[in-house]
């Protein structure tokens, strides 16, 4: 017990929720991957389970390492990490690879370790941490010109992601808007930002329609939105139809672990539509349990943000948690046919290394804020103030 208290700092309830979620992810991940194992691995279901275990183990390592850092140091690291993430996005744009037959090149493969990374996931977290640090500084947010540095940085990042992944671009843009609202950006500026973003997207679509070789995604976006809005044809909406069938067949108590039928037909049963498989196997009770569990986790995020005592700490928790929350809501919304198919995964429960690792790093950041002693921060700044001169100690910059 002393070992755990020594090495696992921060909000104990959040640690407990994370541990339970990681352990609980094995059964649905294993079950949802069984049909894929027979299609792509010669029936070796253990390969998918061992891969999921590896992703969780590495994610836990990242989370423990990050949560022991002072959250102010994490903010400083973002200035270095964000340019690296942008370079990775450029590499992905030029020579990205497809994964699982996806109609987009969103991944880069690291040849030394043989691991594929979805660079947009890492870039989104680096961008949000950078923006949290910028908005925590005493800037005049009423002057639109003062917003140019974060807007230009955000714009470059999103433009590098957009050609291959509209859904991730939209999710990141939503998270940035939430962060700006929390930071106190006036609504008159928000309307300008949203209008400009819509205009840039329209121009991009027109350019791609004129020069189709730039991106093959516009036709996919159009088909998905059209199928969602009109019900689509038999071929275009089959994923959503199968997901709804899985949810309907689950009824109240479900068919039981491993007994899902629709997982054999859903093309992304262990990632995009894992919630539908969970509902079919565990019914309304299991689906409600998943919703309740994530709700409890989001409640911890809010409490940690309110207890942060500093503007940067609060914004950092919002930056790190918004991705987890929006990703969860979008994944479940797609499964129940409230949203068009986007390709967003369900944190920890879906298969995928990049998603699990970025979620783990984000949770590590939140845990770092939860255990960093603000009195020590104030004391360290006061000592620095005595050494450098009688400058006022600004709590908003902590």
Protein backbone atom coordinates (compact mmCIF):
# COMPACT_ATOMS: atom_id res chain seq x y z
CA UNK A 1 0.00 0.00 0.00
CA UNK A 2 2.86 2.38 0.82
CA UNK A 3 4.41 1.56 -2.56
CA UNK A 4 1.19 2.51 -4.35
CA UNK A 5 0.81 5.75 -2.40
CA UNK A 6 4.43 6.61 -3.09
CA UNK A 7 4.36 6.06 -6.84
CA UNK A 8 0.70 6.77 -7.75
CA UNK A 9 -0.09 10.33 -6.77
CA UNK A 10 -3.17 12.42 -7.37
CA UNK A 11 -6.91 11.78 -7.30
CA UNK A 12 -7.40 8.28 -5.88
CA UNK A 13 -10.95 7.91 -7.19
CA UNK A 14 -9.83 8.72 -10.71
CA UNK A 15 -7.03 6.17 -10.40
CA UNK A 16 -9.60 3.57 -9.35
CA UNK A 17 -11.87 4.36 -12.31
CA UNK A 18 -8.95 4.13 -14.74
CA UNK A 19 -7.82 0.79 -13.33
CA UNK A 20 -11.31 -0.71 -13.51
CA UNK A 21 -11.79 0.57 -17.07
CA UNK A 22 -8.48 -0.93 -18.19
CA UNK A 23 -9.26 -4.32 -16.68
CA UNK A 24 -12.85 -4.31 -17.96
CA UNK A 25 -11.67 -3.52 -21.50
CA UNK A 26 -10.16 -6.99 -22.01
CA UNK A 27 -13.43 -8.91 -22.35
CA UNK A 28 -15.23 -6.69 -24.91
CA UNK A 29 -11.99 -6.10 -26.83
CA UNK A 30 -11.31 -9.84 -27.02
CA UNK A 31 -14.87 -10.65 -28.01
CA UNK A 32 -15.19 -7.90 -30.61
CA UNK A 33 -11.87 -8.92 -32.20
CA UNK A 34 -12.68 -12.62 -32.57
CA UNK A 35 -14.24 -12.36 -36.02
CA UNK A 36 -11.39 -10.13 -37.23
CA UNK A 37 -8.91 -12.72 -35.98
CA UNK A 38 -10.45 -15.36 -38.24
CA UNK A 39 -10.40 -12.96 -41.19
CA UNK A 40 -6.87 -11.57 -40.83
CA UNK A 41 -4.89 -13.73 -38.37
CA UNK A 42 -5.87 -17.27 -39.27
CA UNK A 43 -8.07 -17.58 -36.20
CA UNK A 44 -5.39 -16.49 -33.73
CA UNK A 45 -7.61 -14.53 -31.32
CA UNK A 46 -4.82 -14.30 -28.75
CA UNK A 47 -2.81 -12.02 -31.06
CA UNK A 48 -5.47 -9.29 -30.76
CA UNK A 49 -5.69 -9.73 -26.99
CA UNK A 50 -1.92 -9.60 -26.53
CA UNK A 51 -1.75 -6.50 -28.73
CA UNK A 52 -4.41 -4.81 -26.59
CA UNK A 53 -2.47 -5.77 -23.46
CA UNK A 54 0.70 -4.26 -24.94
CA UNK A 55 -1.11 -1.02 -25.77
CA UNK A 56 -2.55 -0.79 -22.25
CA UNK A 57 0.80 -1.60 -20.62
CA UNK A 58 2.61 1.07 -22.63
CA UNK A 59 -0.24 3.51 -21.99
CA UNK A 60 0.00 2.89 -18.25
CA UNK A 61 3.73 3.58 -18.41
CA UNK A 62 3.11 6.90 -20.19
CA UNK A 63 0.40 7.85 -17.69
CA UNK A 64 2.53 7.12 -14.63
CA UNK A 65 5.53 8.96 -16.11
CA UNK A 66 3.51 12.05 -17.08
CA UNK A 67 1.51 12.26 -13.85
CA UNK A 68 4.70 12.59 -11.79
CA UNK A 69 5.68 15.76 -13.67
CA UNK A 70 4.77 19.22 -12.45
CA UNK A 71 1.95 20.39 -14.71
CA UNK A 72 3.74 23.71 -15.33
CA UNK A 73 6.64 21.74 -16.80
CA UNK A 74 4.18 19.91 -19.07
CA UNK A 75 3.03 23.28 -20.38
CA UNK A 76 6.60 24.28 -21.18
CA UNK A 77 7.22 20.98 -22.97
CA UNK A 78 4.30 21.71 -25.32
CA UNK A 79 6.31 24.51 -26.95
CA UNK A 80 8.83 21.87 -28.06
CA UNK A 81 6.45 18.97 -28.70
CA UNK A 82 3.95 20.87 -30.89
CA UNK A 83 6.47 21.69 -33.68
CA UNK A 84 7.58 18.03 -33.64
CA UNK A 85 3.92 16.96 -33.94
CA UNK A 86 3.47 19.31 -36.91
CA UNK A 87 6.48 17.76 -38.65
CA UNK A 88 4.94 14.33 -38.06
CA UNK A 89 1.69 15.59 -39.63
CA UNK A 90 3.59 16.74 -42.72
CA UNK A 91 5.26 13.32 -42.99
CA UNK A 92 1.86 11.65 -42.63
CA UNK A 93 0.39 13.91 -45.30
CA UNK A 94 3.19 13.02 -47.72
CA UNK A 95 3.67 9.31 -47.04
CA UNK A 96 1.06 8.13 -44.56
CA UNK A 97 -0.14 4.54 -44.63
CA UNK A 98 -3.58 2.94 -44.39
CA UNK A 99 -4.61 0.72 -41.47
CA UNK A 100 -7.27 -1.97 -41.71
CA UNK A 101 -8.19 -0.92 -45.23
CA UNK A 102 -9.27 2.55 -44.09
CA UNK A 103 -9.80 4.95 -46.96
CA UNK A 104 -7.27 7.43 -45.65
CA UNK A 105 -3.55 7.62 -44.97
CA UNK A 106 -3.64 8.76 -41.35
CA UNK A 107 -0.79 6.70 -39.88
CA UNK A 108 2.99 6.73 -40.04
CA UNK A 109 5.02 3.65 -39.32
CA UNK A 110 8.12 3.86 -37.13
CA UNK A 111 10.44 1.30 -38.73
CA UNK A 112 12.74 0.76 -35.72
CA UNK A 113 10.00 -0.49 -33.40
CA UNK A 114 7.48 -1.49 -36.06
CA UNK A 115 4.66 0.58 -34.52
CA UNK A 116 2.14 2.67 -36.47
CA UNK A 117 1.03 6.00 -35.02
CA UNK A 118 -1.98 8.14 -35.83
CA UNK A 119 -0.17 11.46 -35.68
CA UNK A 120 -3.31 13.59 -35.50
CA UNK A 121 -4.10 12.16 -32.06
CA UNK A 122 -0.77 13.27 -30.62
CA UNK A 123 -0.88 16.62 -32.42
CA UNK A 124 -4.33 17.40 -30.99
CA UNK A 125 -3.17 16.90 -27.40
CA UNK A 126 0.04 18.88 -27.96
CA UNK A 127 -1.99 21.72 -29.51
CA UNK A 128 -4.51 21.86 -26.66
CA UNK A 129 -1.79 21.89 -23.97
CA UNK A 130 -0.01 24.68 -25.83
CA UNK A 131 -3.25 26.69 -26.08
CA UNK A 132 -4.02 26.15 -22.38
CA UNK A 133 -0.62 27.61 -21.52
CA UNK A 134 -1.09 30.54 -23.89
CA UNK A 135 -4.57 31.45 -22.63
CA UNK A 136 -3.41 31.22 -19.00
CA UNK A 137 -1.08 34.16 -19.61
CA UNK A 138 -2.35 37.72 -19.04
CA UNK A 139 -3.39 38.45 -22.64
CA UNK A 140 -5.96 41.02 -23.70
CA UNK A 141 -8.58 38.68 -25.13
CA UNK A 142 -10.90 41.57 -25.99
CA UNK A 143 -8.48 42.60 -28.75
CA UNK A 144 -8.92 40.23 -31.70
CA UNK A 145 -5.37 40.91 -32.88
CA UNK A 146 -4.00 39.37 -29.68
CA UNK A 147 -5.59 36.05 -30.70
CA UNK A 148 -3.56 35.74 -33.88
CA UNK A 149 -0.75 33.56 -32.39
CA UNK A 150 -3.05 30.76 -31.13
CA UNK A 151 -5.33 31.03 -34.17
CA UNK A 152 -2.46 30.70 -36.64
CA UNK A 153 -1.02 27.75 -34.71
CA UNK A 154 -4.43 26.07 -34.61
CA UNK A 155 -5.08 26.78 -38.28
CA UNK A 156 -1.78 25.25 -39.42
CA UNK A 157 -2.38 22.12 -37.32
CA UNK A 158 -5.94 21.63 -38.60
CA UNK A 159 -5.00 22.24 -42.24
CA UNK A 160 -2.37 19.49 -41.98
CA UNK A 161 -4.99 17.06 -40.60
CA UNK A 162 -7.99 18.01 -42.77
CA UNK A 163 -7.06 16.32 -46.09
CA UNK A 164 -7.09 12.84 -44.51
CA UNK A 165 -9.46 13.17 -41.57
CA UNK A 166 -12.40 15.57 -41.44
CA UNK A 167 -13.93 14.03 -38.30
CA UNK A 168 -10.74 14.44 -36.24
CA UNK A 169 -10.38 18.00 -37.56
CA UNK A 170 -13.93 18.79 -36.45
CA UNK A 171 -13.37 17.21 -33.01
CA UNK A 172 -10.14 19.18 -32.45
CA UNK A 173 -11.79 22.41 -33.60
CA UNK A 174 -14.64 21.81 -31.14
CA UNK A 175 -12.17 21.25 -28.31
CA UNK A 176 -10.33 24.46 -29.20
CA UNK A 177 -13.60 26.40 -29.16
CA UNK A 178 -14.47 25.01 -25.71
CA UNK A 179 -11.05 25.99 -24.43
CA UNK A 180 -11.43 29.51 -25.80
CA UNK A 181 -14.85 29.89 -24.19
CA UNK A 182 -13.47 28.72 -20.84
CA UNK A 183 -10.52 31.11 -21.20
CA UNK A 184 -12.90 34.04 -21.63
CA UNK A 185 -12.68 34.84 -25.35
CA UNK A 186 -15.63 37.17 -26.17
CA UNK A 187 -18.45 35.68 -28.24
CA UNK A 188 -18.09 38.36 -30.91
CA UNK A 189 -14.63 36.93 -31.61
CA UNK A 190 -15.93 33.35 -31.46
CA UNK A 191 -18.43 34.07 -34.25
CA UNK A 192 -15.61 35.41 -36.42
CA UNK A 193 -13.50 32.31 -35.75
CA UNK A 194 -16.34 29.89 -36.53
CA UNK A 195 -17.29 31.79 -39.68
CA UNK A 196 -13.68 31.84 -40.89
CA UNK A 197 -13.34 28.09 -40.24
CA UNK A 198 -16.48 27.33 -42.28
CA UNK A 199 -15.15 29.51 -45.09
CA UNK A 200 -11.77 27.76 -45.14
CA UNK A 201 -13.48 24.35 -45.21
CA UNK A 202 -15.68 25.43 -48.13
CA UNK A 203 -12.66 26.69 -50.06
CA UNK A 204 -10.80 23.44 -49.39
CA UNK A 205 -13.72 21.35 -50.68
CA UNK A 206 -13.96 23.49 -53.84
CA UNK A 207 -10.21 23.11 -54.46
CA UNK A 208 -10.39 19.33 -54.01
CA UNK A 209 -13.37 19.11 -56.35
CA UNK A 210 -11.32 20.98 -58.95
CA UNK A 211 -8.16 18.95 -58.28
CA UNK A 212 -9.30 15.49 -57.01
CA UNK A 213 -5.73 14.19 -56.69
CA UNK A 214 -5.22 16.36 -53.59
CA UNK A 215 -7.53 14.22 -51.44
CA UNK A 216 -9.89 11.29 -51.92
CA UNK A 217 -11.89 12.09 -48.82
CA UNK A 218 -14.46 14.65 -50.02
CA UNK A 219 -16.52 11.96 -51.78
CA UNK A 220 -16.44 9.85 -48.60
CA UNK A 221 -17.53 12.81 -46.44
CA UNK A 222 -20.36 13.60 -48.86
CA UNK A 223 -21.55 9.98 -48.93
CA UNK A 224 -21.50 9.60 -45.14
CA UNK A 225 -23.36 12.84 -44.49
CA UNK A 226 -25.88 12.07 -47.25
CA UNK A 227 -26.47 8.55 -45.95
CA UNK A 228 -26.95 9.85 -42.42
CA UNK A 229 -29.34 12.62 -43.45
CA UNK A 230 -31.47 10.62 -45.88
CA UNK A 231 -31.11 7.08 -44.55
CA UNK A 232 -28.85 6.21 -47.49
CA UNK A 233 -28.98 3.17 -49.68
CA UNK A 234 -28.51 -0.40 -48.61
CA UNK A 235 -24.75 -0.34 -49.22
CA UNK A 236 -24.05 3.14 -47.87
CA UNK A 237 -25.61 2.77 -44.42
CA UNK A 238 -24.93 -0.90 -43.71
CA UNK A 239 -22.53 -0.14 -40.84
CA UNK A 240 -25.09 1.94 -38.97
CA UNK A 241 -27.81 -0.60 -39.73
CA UNK A 242 -25.73 -3.46 -38.33
CA UNK A 243 -24.89 -1.41 -35.23
CA UNK A 244 -28.59 -0.69 -34.63
CA UNK A 245 -29.39 -4.37 -35.08
CA UNK A 246 -26.74 -5.28 -32.51
CA UNK A 247 -28.14 -2.78 -30.01
CA UNK A 248 -31.73 -3.96 -30.60
CA UNK A 249 -30.81 -7.62 -30.21
CA UNK A 250 -29.11 -6.93 -26.88
CA UNK A 251 -32.45 -6.12 -25.21
CA UNK A 252 -32.18 -5.69 -21.43
CA UNK A 253 -29.64 -8.27 -20.28
CA UNK A 254 -27.84 -9.07 -23.54
CA UNK A 255 -26.88 -12.34 -25.18
CA UNK A 256 -23.91 -12.91 -22.90
CA UNK A 257 -20.12 -12.42 -23.19
CA UNK A 258 -18.73 -13.43 -26.57
CA UNK A 259 -22.15 -14.20 -28.09
CA UNK A 260 -22.54 -11.18 -30.34
CA UNK A 261 -23.63 -12.06 -33.87
CA UNK A 262 -23.25 -8.68 -35.56
CA UNK A 263 -19.55 -8.48 -34.68
CA UNK A 264 -19.06 -11.01 -37.48
CA UNK A 265 -20.34 -8.48 -40.01
CA UNK A 266 -19.33 -5.05 -38.61
CA UNK A 267 -16.08 -4.04 -40.36
CA UNK A 268 -14.75 -2.13 -37.31
CA UNK A 269 -16.31 -4.21 -34.55
CA UNK A 270 -13.41 -3.78 -32.11
CA UNK A 271 -12.94 -0.03 -32.56
CA UNK A 272 -15.57 2.25 -34.11
CA UNK A 273 -18.55 0.05 -33.17
CA UNK A 274 -17.35 -1.63 -29.98
CA UNK A 275 -20.20 0.02 -28.05
CA UNK A 276 -22.74 -1.75 -30.28
CA UNK A 277 -21.03 -5.09 -29.58
CA UNK A 278 -21.02 -4.37 -25.83
CA UNK A 279 -24.74 -3.55 -25.94
CA UNK A 280 -25.55 -6.74 -27.87
CA UNK A 281 -23.64 -8.91 -25.40
CA UNK A 282 -24.52 -7.12 -22.14
CA UNK A 283 -27.80 -5.44 -23.05
CA UNK A 284 -29.26 -2.23 -21.72
CA UNK A 285 -27.72 -2.97 -18.32
CA UNK A 286 -24.20 -3.18 -19.75
CA UNK A 287 -24.62 -0.12 -21.99
CA UNK A 288 -25.98 1.90 -19.04
CA UNK A 289 -23.02 0.74 -16.98
CA UNK A 290 -20.60 2.06 -19.61
CA UNK A 291 -22.39 5.41 -19.72
CA UNK A 292 -22.47 5.63 -15.92
CA UNK A 293 -18.79 4.75 -15.69
CA UNK A 294 -17.70 7.46 -18.14
CA UNK A 295 -20.06 9.89 -16.41
CA UNK A 296 -18.29 9.26 -13.11
CA UNK A 297 -14.94 9.81 -14.81
CA UNK A 298 -16.09 13.12 -16.33
CA UNK A 299 -17.35 14.17 -12.89
CA UNK A 300 -13.84 13.63 -11.48
CA UNK A 301 -12.44 15.79 -14.29
CA UNK A 302 -14.76 18.65 -13.34
CA UNK A 303 -13.86 18.37 -9.64
CA UNK A 304 -10.13 18.35 -10.38
CA UNK A 305 -10.51 21.38 -12.65
CA UNK A 306 -12.42 23.29 -9.95
CA UNK A 307 -9.79 22.46 -7.34
CA UNK A 308 -6.86 23.45 -9.53
CA UNK A 309 -6.64 26.93 -7.91
CA UNK A 310 -4.82 28.34 -10.95
CA UNK A 311 -6.10 29.36 -14.34
CA UNK A 312 -3.49 27.27 -16.14
CA UNK A 313 -4.33 24.19 -14.06
CA UNK A 314 -8.04 24.55 -14.83
CA UNK A 315 -7.48 25.10 -18.55
CA UNK A 316 -5.01 22.23 -18.70
CA UNK A 317 -7.54 19.81 -17.20
CA UNK A 318 -10.15 21.05 -19.68
CA UNK A 319 -7.69 20.65 -22.57
CA UNK A 320 -6.75 17.10 -21.56
CA UNK A 321 -10.26 15.92 -20.66
CA UNK A 322 -12.25 17.46 -23.52
CA UNK A 323 -10.73 15.02 -26.00
CA UNK A 324 -11.72 12.02 -23.88
CA UNK A 325 -15.25 13.36 -23.34
CA UNK A 326 -15.96 14.35 -26.95
CA UNK A 327 -14.43 11.15 -28.32
CA UNK A 328 -16.67 9.10 -26.02
CA UNK A 329 -19.82 11.00 -26.95
CA UNK A 330 -19.07 10.86 -30.69
CA UNK A 331 -18.29 7.12 -30.65
CA UNK A 332 -21.51 6.29 -28.80
CA UNK A 333 -23.47 8.75 -30.96
CA UNK A 334 -22.29 6.97 -34.11
CA UNK A 335 -23.18 3.54 -32.67
CA UNK A 336 -26.77 4.63 -31.91
CA UNK A 337 -27.06 6.45 -35.27
CA UNK A 338 -27.25 9.95 -33.80
CA UNK A 339 -24.14 11.00 -35.74
CA UNK A 340 -22.65 10.01 -39.11
CA UNK A 341 -19.78 7.51 -39.13
CA UNK A 342 -16.61 9.31 -38.06
CA UNK A 343 -14.00 6.73 -37.07
CA UNK A 344 -13.64 7.97 -33.48
CA UNK A 345 -12.80 5.27 -30.92
CA UNK A 346 -14.17 4.64 -27.41
CA UNK A 347 -11.39 5.38 -24.87
CA UNK A 348 -9.65 2.19 -23.65
CA UNK A 349 -12.55 -0.05 -24.73
CA UNK A 350 -11.73 0.25 -28.44
CA UNK A 351 -8.66 -1.36 -29.94
CA UNK A 352 -5.92 0.95 -31.16
CA UNK A 353 -2.51 1.96 -29.88
CA UNK A 354 -2.50 5.69 -30.65
CA UNK A 355 -5.92 6.24 -29.07
CA UNK A 356 -5.00 4.39 -25.88
CA UNK A 357 -1.62 6.08 -25.56
CA UNK A 358 -2.96 9.61 -26.09
CA UNK A 359 -5.80 8.95 -23.64
CA UNK A 360 -3.26 7.68 -21.09
CA UNK A 361 -1.06 10.77 -21.52
CA UNK A 362 -4.11 13.03 -21.17
CA UNK A 363 -5.12 11.24 -17.95
CA UNK A 364 -1.55 11.59 -16.71
CA UNK A 365 -1.78 15.35 -17.24
CA UNK A 366 -5.06 15.52 -15.31
CA UNK A 367 -3.57 13.48 -12.46
CA UNK A 368 -0.55 15.77 -12.43
CA UNK A 369 -2.81 18.76 -11.86
CA UNK A 370 -4.71 16.88 -9.17
CA UNK A 371 -1.63 16.20 -7.00
CA UNK A 372 0.60 19.23 -7.63
CA UNK A 373 0.77 21.21 -4.41
CA UNK A 374 -0.18 24.79 -5.23
CA UNK A 375 1.43 26.00 -1.97
CA UNK A 376 4.80 24.71 -3.16
CA UNK A 377 4.28 26.47 -6.48
CA UNK A 378 3.50 29.74 -4.70
CA UNK A 379 6.50 29.27 -2.41
CA UNK A 380 8.82 28.58 -5.32
CA UNK A 381 7.57 31.65 -7.16
CA UNK A 382 7.88 33.77 -4.02
CA UNK A 383 11.51 32.67 -3.60
CA UNK A 384 12.17 33.46 -7.24
CA UNK A 385 10.52 36.84 -6.72
CA UNK A 386 12.87 37.63 -3.79
CA UNK A 387 15.87 36.72 -5.92
CA UNK A 388 14.83 38.65 -9.03
CA UNK A 389 13.12 41.66 -7.51
CA UNK A 390 9.79 42.87 -6.10
CA UNK A 391 7.63 41.97 -9.09
CA UNK A 392 4.03 41.05 -8.32
CA UNK A 393 3.26 37.36 -8.15
CA UNK A 394 0.50 36.70 -10.66
CA UNK A 395 -1.57 33.65 -9.75
CA UNK A 396 -3.06 33.61 -13.25
CA UNK A 397 0.33 32.60 -14.75
CA UNK A 398 0.84 29.53 -12.53
